Amino acid sequence: MTDDRSPTFFADHFSAHACDYARYRPDYPASLFDYLAAAAAARRLAWDCATGNGQAALALAARFERVVATDASEEQIREAIRDPRIEYRVAPAESAGLPDGCADLIAVAQALHWFDRPRFWKEATRVLAPDGVIAVWAYDLLEVSPAVDLAVRRLAREILRAWWPRERRIVDRGYGAIEFPFPGELSAPKFVMEKEWALADLLGYLRTWSAVRRYLASHDHDPVALVEPELSDAWGPPERRRRATWTLDLRVGRARE
């Protein structure tokens, strides 16, 4: 990604369905935040950058004295989980409005691929405390069962192939392929998200995908409906609860070695 965007650039793929995003997106495991809190040298302030619906901010608030959660989308901030320990602000990732060296932890959950990365790295370096920690993570397609997974992958890789924003390719390739300009990178453990879902939950989640929204803007039919019969057959009784999992792709680094 080149650094040729204006300071006001914001690729907004989620504001129009912020309520659905808050309802259907999976939760991050508590063990992830325990690990990050333990890695931080202090727990005074955590910056949750591109907070979305506030999932990560809420978990961080249980482990840090103060959390500032920012998002460029006013709608996402409006729908975010309220908590007295969290200060929500509308601000782009590349210009947080935070003081120099104030953050003991910077967390970016499922959002780095949307950023102007050179400008964000500069801002993160400015905001991060001298002994601070930065963590960025993402997740790709979920896993339920071979038959369900096959239908989900047909939707993602075939039907929606041309409709994913180009920035999303970073998730496909893995965050390990991107630059990470922090000298003290840690060897992070693997973390997995889990949800117990009925079929309606899975369908609701699929409809939060940015590619689905872009497809709908150019077609008169719902792309998820094209695989819904296949998913229904693979799922069994729609009320049946199945375990869905996502493996997190995590990079963690310190401001200095």
Foldseek 3Di string as FASTA:
>chain_A
DDLPDDQLDADDLFLVPLVLCLVQDFAFDLVVLVVQLVLFPAQAEEEEAQCQQPRVVVSSLVRHQAYEYEHLHPSSLVNHDDDPRYHYDNDHLLCDPAAFQAHQEYEYEAPCLRDSVVSNVVVCLRRHHQFHKYKYKHWDDKDFDVQLSVLVCCLVCPVLVVQAPPSCVCVVVAVVPDDDPAAFKDDDDKTKTKDWDFQVSVLSNVCSHSSQVRVVVPDVDGSSVVSVVSNPVVRDPRRHTTMMMIIMRMIMGTNHD
